C-alpha cells in the first residue's frame, strides 16, 4: 500500500483556537481525520505529524525518503524563512505538495514569500481544509495514476 506523510508545522496544533477570523474554527484533529479518510477512500495510508520544532520536522522529512511515497507539508511560519526545511525537502525524490489554509499571497508582506515552494511539486493555498484534500488527491494521481507534474 502506498503511504503519504502529512506534516503540520508550528502553531497548527492551535487551529480552532488561534486567530479564528483568519483560520476558522476547524481543528487539526478534524483535518487529520479528513485526510486519513480521503486516503482510505483512495487506498493509500496517510500518516500525520505535527511539530512546533524545526529539527523534529527535518528529522521526519529525512525518514520520509525511505518510508513514504509522497509528502504534504504545511510548514506554517517556517514557510517564509526555513532554508533548513527547504534543504531537507530537496533531498526527497518523491512528490511534495506545500499546503496553506490561507492564501499567503494575500496576507502580510512578510508572509507572501515561500522558500519551500521551489523544491515542491506544487503548492495549494487559500482553500482552507480543502487544500489538504486536494493535495491527497493530487499526490494520488501522481504516484498511482502516473500523472506528470509540471514545473
Protein backbone atom coordinates (compact mmCIF):
# COMPACT_ATOMS: atom_id res chain seq x y z
CA UNK A 1 0.00 0.00 0.00
CA UNK A 2 1.30 3.47 -0.89
CA UNK A 3 1.96 5.83 2.02
CA UNK A 4 1.72 9.61 2.27
CA UNK A 5 3.10 11.71 5.11
CA UNK A 6 1.30 14.92 6.09
CA UNK A 7 3.50 17.31 8.08
CA UNK A 8 1.99 20.20 10.03
CA UNK A 9 4.36 22.91 11.24
CA UNK A 10 4.34 25.29 14.19
CA UNK A 11 1.13 26.54 15.77
CA UNK A 12 -1.09 24.34 13.62
CA UNK A 13 -1.89 22.36 16.77
CA UNK A 14 -3.71 25.54 17.87
CA UNK A 15 -6.18 25.56 14.96
CA UNK A 16 -9.69 26.20 16.22
CA UNK A 17 -8.28 28.40 18.98
CA UNK A 18 -5.79 30.68 17.21
CA UNK A 19 -6.98 33.66 15.18
CA UNK A 20 -10.35 32.22 14.11
CA UNK A 21 -11.00 35.17 11.79
CA UNK A 22 -8.07 34.02 9.66
CA UNK A 23 -8.00 30.24 10.16
CA UNK A 24 -11.61 29.43 11.06
CA UNK A 25 -12.97 27.01 13.65
CA UNK A 26 -11.57 23.78 12.22
CA UNK A 27 -9.14 21.88 14.44
CA UNK A 28 -6.02 19.99 13.41
CA UNK A 29 -7.61 16.81 14.72
CA UNK A 30 -10.51 17.29 12.29
CA UNK A 31 -8.15 17.93 9.37
CA UNK A 32 -6.16 14.81 10.26
CA UNK A 33 -9.33 12.69 10.34
CA UNK A 34 -10.39 14.06 6.94
CA UNK A 35 -7.06 13.38 5.23
CA UNK A 36 -6.90 9.87 6.66
CA UNK A 37 -10.45 9.21 5.46
CA UNK A 38 -9.61 10.53 1.98
CA UNK A 39 -6.54 8.28 1.92
CA UNK A 40 -8.66 5.29 2.94
CA UNK A 41 -11.11 6.05 0.12
CA UNK A 42 -8.20 6.11 -2.34
CA UNK A 43 -6.48 3.04 -0.91
CA UNK A 44 -3.43 4.84 0.44
CA UNK A 45 -2.19 5.06 4.00
CA UNK A 46 -1.89 8.57 5.40
CA UNK A 47 0.22 9.38 8.45
CA UNK A 48 0.04 12.81 10.06
CA UNK A 49 2.72 14.55 12.11
CA UNK A 50 2.79 17.94 13.82
CA UNK A 51 5.68 19.71 15.48
CA UNK A 52 6.49 23.20 16.65
CA UNK A 53 10.20 22.40 16.33
CA UNK A 54 12.18 22.79 13.14
CA UNK A 55 14.61 19.96 13.93
CA UNK A 56 11.77 17.48 14.53
CA UNK A 57 10.23 18.41 11.18
CA UNK A 58 13.59 17.97 9.44
CA UNK A 59 14.12 14.56 11.09
CA UNK A 60 10.67 13.44 9.90
CA UNK A 61 11.43 14.62 6.36
CA UNK A 62 14.67 12.61 6.39
CA UNK A 63 12.70 9.49 7.39
CA UNK A 64 10.22 10.17 4.59
CA UNK A 65 12.90 9.45 2.00
CA UNK A 66 12.79 5.73 2.73
CA UNK A 67 9.26 5.14 4.01
CA UNK A 68 6.77 7.29 2.10
CA UNK A 69 5.63 7.74 -1.48
CA UNK A 70 4.67 11.40 -1.10
CA UNK A 71 4.73 14.29 1.36
CA UNK A 72 2.23 17.05 2.07
CA UNK A 73 3.62 19.85 4.19
CA UNK A 74 2.18 22.94 5.79
CA UNK A 75 5.36 24.46 7.20
CA UNK A 76 3.47 27.25 8.97
CA UNK A 77 5.72 30.23 9.65
CA UNK A 78 8.76 28.19 8.55
CA UNK A 79 7.43 28.67 5.01
CA UNK A 80 8.95 32.10 4.86
CA UNK A 81 12.47 31.51 6.15
CA UNK A 82 13.45 27.90 6.86
CA UNK A 83 16.23 27.09 4.45
CA UNK A 84 16.90 24.02 6.62
CA UNK A 85 13.43 22.56 5.91
CA UNK A 86 13.79 23.51 2.25
CA UNK A 87 17.15 21.70 2.07
CA UNK A 88 15.67 18.60 3.73
CA UNK A 89 12.75 18.53 1.27
CA UNK A 90 15.12 18.96 -1.65
CA UNK A 91 16.71 15.61 -0.76
CA UNK A 92 13.44 13.77 -1.43
CA UNK A 93 12.74 12.20 -4.79
CA UNK A 94 9.01 11.81 -4.16
CA UNK A 95 6.11 14.21 -4.83
CA UNK A 96 5.84 17.06 -2.31
CA UNK A 97 2.85 19.40 -2.04
CA UNK A 98 3.00 22.54 0.08
CA UNK A 99 -0.38 23.42 1.61
CA UNK A 100 -1.63 26.53 3.41
CA UNK A 101 -5.11 27.11 4.77
CA UNK A 102 -4.94 30.80 3.84
CA UNK A 103 -3.77 32.49 0.67
CA UNK A 104 -0.29 33.53 1.76
CA UNK A 105 -0.09 35.93 -1.19
CA UNK A 106 -2.98 37.98 0.23
CA UNK A 107 -1.52 38.15 3.73
CA UNK A 108 1.05 40.46 5.30
CA UNK A 109 4.06 41.18 3.11
CA UNK A 110 6.40 39.05 5.24
CA UNK A 111 4.10 36.03 4.66
CA UNK A 112 3.98 36.38 0.88
CA UNK A 113 7.20 34.53 0.09
CA UNK A 114 7.69 30.79 0.34
CA UNK A 115 11.25 29.49 0.39
CA UNK A 116 9.70 25.99 0.39
CA UNK A 117 7.65 26.16 -2.84
CA UNK A 118 10.60 25.99 -5.27
CA UNK A 119 11.51 22.48 -4.07
CA UNK A 120 7.90 21.20 -4.10
CA UNK A 121 5.95 19.52 -6.86
CA UNK A 122 3.15 22.00 -6.27
CA UNK A 123 1.52 24.40 -3.84
CA UNK A 124 -2.12 24.77 -2.76
CA UNK A 125 -3.15 27.76 -0.67
CA UNK A 126 -6.20 29.75 0.27
CA UNK A 127 -8.75 26.92 0.15
CA UNK A 128 -8.89 26.10 3.84
CA UNK A 129 -9.01 22.43 4.80
CA UNK A 130 -9.98 21.54 1.22
CA UNK A 131 -6.37 22.25 0.25
CA UNK A 132 -5.30 19.18 2.21
CA UNK A 133 -7.91 17.01 0.47
CA UNK A 134 -6.82 18.34 -2.92
CA UNK A 135 -3.20 17.61 -2.02
CA UNK A 136 -4.03 13.98 -1.13
CA UNK A 137 -5.89 13.59 -4.43
CA UNK A 138 -3.04 15.24 -6.36
CA UNK A 139 -0.34 13.03 -4.89
CA UNK A 140 -2.55 10.00 -5.52
CA UNK A 141 -2.82 10.95 -9.19
CA UNK A 142 0.94 11.45 -9.42
CA UNK A 143 2.02 8.22 -7.68
CA UNK A 144 -0.84 5.89 -8.67
CA UNK A 145 -2.23 7.43 -11.81
CA UNK A 146 1.10 8.33 -13.37
CA UNK A 147 0.08 11.94 -13.92
CA UNK A 148 3.07 14.04 -14.85
CA UNK A 149 3.81 17.03 -12.66
CA UNK A 150 4.75 20.25 -14.40
CA UNK A 151 7.33 22.83 -13.48
